[in-house]
Amino acid sequence: MLNTMWEKEIIVTWSRTSIVIPTMIGHTITIHNGNEHLLIYITDCMVDHKLAKFSSTLNFWGHVEKNNKS
């Protein structure tokens, strides 16, 4: 998996629990977040982190408007 030729191959994965290792540097990986695949380019500062850290699964829609129902 070492990217010595700097190929532009995209690797598709559903495993969010995988840990980034140094041989993954330079690859583009798509991580499934439950709805779609997100493109992630692996750099050297991502080593020893899990792939789940780079693909969020929640979308923040904002706070609820104030109401006097309570």
C-alpha atoms as a PDB file:
ATOM      1  CA  MET A   1       0.000   0.000   0.000  1.00  0.00           C
ATOM      2  CA  LEU A   2       3.046   2.255   0.006  1.00  0.00           C
ATOM      3  CA  ASN A   3       2.494   5.116  -2.438  1.00  0.00           C
ATOM      4  CA  THR A   4       6.048   5.533  -3.789  1.00  0.00           C
ATOM      5  CA  MET A   5       4.907   6.255  -7.368  1.00  0.00           C
ATOM      6  CA  TRP A   6       2.414   8.944  -6.176  1.00  0.00           C
ATOM      7  CA  GLU A   7      -0.505   7.300  -7.946  1.00  0.00           C
ATOM      8  CA  LYS A   8      -3.934   8.918  -7.764  1.00  0.00           C
ATOM      9  CA  GLU A   9      -5.796   5.710  -6.869  1.00  0.00           C
ATOM     10  CA  ILE A  10      -8.784   6.083  -4.528  1.00  0.00           C
ATOM     11  CA  ILE A  11      -9.319   3.422  -1.851  1.00  0.00           C
ATOM     12  CA  VAL A  12     -12.940   2.876  -0.707  1.00  0.00           C
ATOM     13  CA  THR A  13     -13.538   1.740   2.879  1.00  0.00           C
ATOM     14  CA  TRP A  14     -16.403   1.306   5.317  1.00  0.00           C
ATOM     15  CA  SER A  15     -14.083   0.648   8.277  1.00  0.00           C
ATOM     16  CA  ARG A  16     -14.066   3.725  10.482  1.00  0.00           C
ATOM     17  CA  THR A  17     -12.127   1.882  13.215  1.00  0.00           C
ATOM     18  CA  SER A  18      -8.982   1.485  11.099  1.00  0.00           C
ATOM     19  CA  ILE A  19      -5.879   3.302  12.292  1.00  0.00           C
ATOM     20  CA  VAL A  20      -3.796   5.378   9.867  1.00  0.00           C
ATOM     21  CA  ILE A  21      -0.296   3.921   9.493  1.00  0.00           C
ATOM     22  CA  PRO A  22       2.745   5.600   7.867  1.00  0.00           C
ATOM     23  CA  THR A  23       2.458   3.538   4.665  1.00  0.00           C
ATOM     24  CA  MET A  24      -0.940   5.180   3.977  1.00  0.00           C
ATOM     25  CA  ILE A  25       0.591   8.656   3.594  1.00  0.00           C
ATOM     26  CA  GLY A  26      -0.137  10.098   0.161  1.00  0.00           C
ATOM     27  CA  HIS A  27      -3.221   7.996  -0.542  1.00  0.00           C
ATOM     28  CA  THR A  28      -6.763   9.258  -0.989  1.00  0.00           C
ATOM     29  CA  ILE A  29      -9.274   7.202   0.972  1.00  0.00           C
ATOM     30  CA  THR A  30     -13.047   7.437   0.922  1.00  0.00           C
ATOM     31  CA  ILE A  31     -14.626   6.786   4.317  1.00  0.00           C
ATOM     32  CA  HIS A  32     -18.305   5.934   4.656  1.00  0.00           C
ATOM     33  CA  ASN A  33     -20.046   8.060   7.285  1.00  0.00           C
ATOM     34  CA  GLY A  34     -23.381   6.247   7.154  1.00  0.00           C
ATOM     35  CA  ASN A  35     -24.836   8.299   4.331  1.00  0.00           C
ATOM     36  CA  GLU A  36     -22.095   8.885   1.751  1.00  0.00           C
ATOM     37  CA  HIS A  37     -18.381   8.382   1.142  1.00  0.00           C
ATOM     38  CA  LEU A  38     -16.132  11.308   2.066  1.00  0.00           C
ATOM     39  CA  LEU A  39     -12.791  11.836   0.302  1.00  0.00           C
ATOM     40  CA  ILE A  40      -9.866  12.097   2.722  1.00  0.00           C
ATOM     41  CA  TYR A  41      -6.251  12.726   1.640  1.00  0.00           C
ATOM     42  CA  ILE A  42      -3.877  11.124   4.155  1.00  0.00           C
ATOM     43  CA  THR A  43      -1.005  13.327   5.378  1.00  0.00           C
ATOM     44  CA  ASP A  44       1.764  12.715   7.900  1.00  0.00           C
ATOM     45  CA  CYS A  45      -0.067  14.462  10.761  1.00  0.00           C
ATOM     46  CA  MET A  46      -2.913  11.911  10.531  1.00  0.00           C
ATOM     47  CA  VAL A  47      -0.720   8.934  11.522  1.00  0.00           C
ATOM     48  CA  ASP A  48      -1.893   6.970  14.624  1.00  0.00           C
ATOM     49  CA  HIS A  49      -5.434   8.392  14.451  1.00  0.00           C
ATOM     50  CA  LYS A  50      -8.573   6.453  13.568  1.00  0.00           C
ATOM     51  CA  LEU A  51     -10.326   7.139  10.267  1.00  0.00           C
ATOM     52  CA  ALA A  52     -13.548   7.967  12.142  1.00  0.00           C
ATOM     53  CA  LYS A  53     -11.953  11.183  13.381  1.00  0.00           C
ATOM     54  CA  PHE A  54     -11.837  12.561   9.834  1.00  0.00           C
ATOM     55  CA  SER A  55     -15.416  11.778   8.785  1.00  0.00           C
ATOM     56  CA  SER A  56     -18.172  13.280  10.892  1.00  0.00           C
ATOM     57  CA  THR A  57     -21.508  11.476  11.049  1.00  0.00           C
ATOM     58  CA  LEU A  58     -23.668  14.227  12.557  1.00  0.00           C
ATOM     59  CA  ASN A  59     -24.925  17.424  10.949  1.00  0.00           C
ATOM     60  CA  PHE A  60     -25.687  20.423  13.156  1.00  0.00           C
ATOM     61  CA  TRP A  61     -28.975  21.982  12.044  1.00  0.00           C
ATOM     62  CA  GLY A  62     -28.966  24.847  14.534  1.00  0.00           C
ATOM     63  CA  HIS A  63     -30.669  25.551  17.820  1.00  0.00           C
ATOM     64  CA  VAL A  64     -34.425  25.400  18.285  1.00  0.00           C
ATOM     65  CA  GLU A  65     -36.218  28.734  18.260  1.00  0.00           C
ATOM     66  CA  LYS A  66     -37.359  30.063  21.606  1.00  0.00           C
ATOM     67  CA  ASN A  67     -40.933  29.241  22.412  1.00  0.00           C
ATOM     68  CA  ASN A  68     -43.072  29.707  25.508  1.00  0.00           C
ATOM     69  CA  LYS A  69     -44.650  26.248  25.529  1.00  0.00           C
ATOM     70  CA  SER A  70     -42.882  25.066  28.673  1.00  0.00           C
END
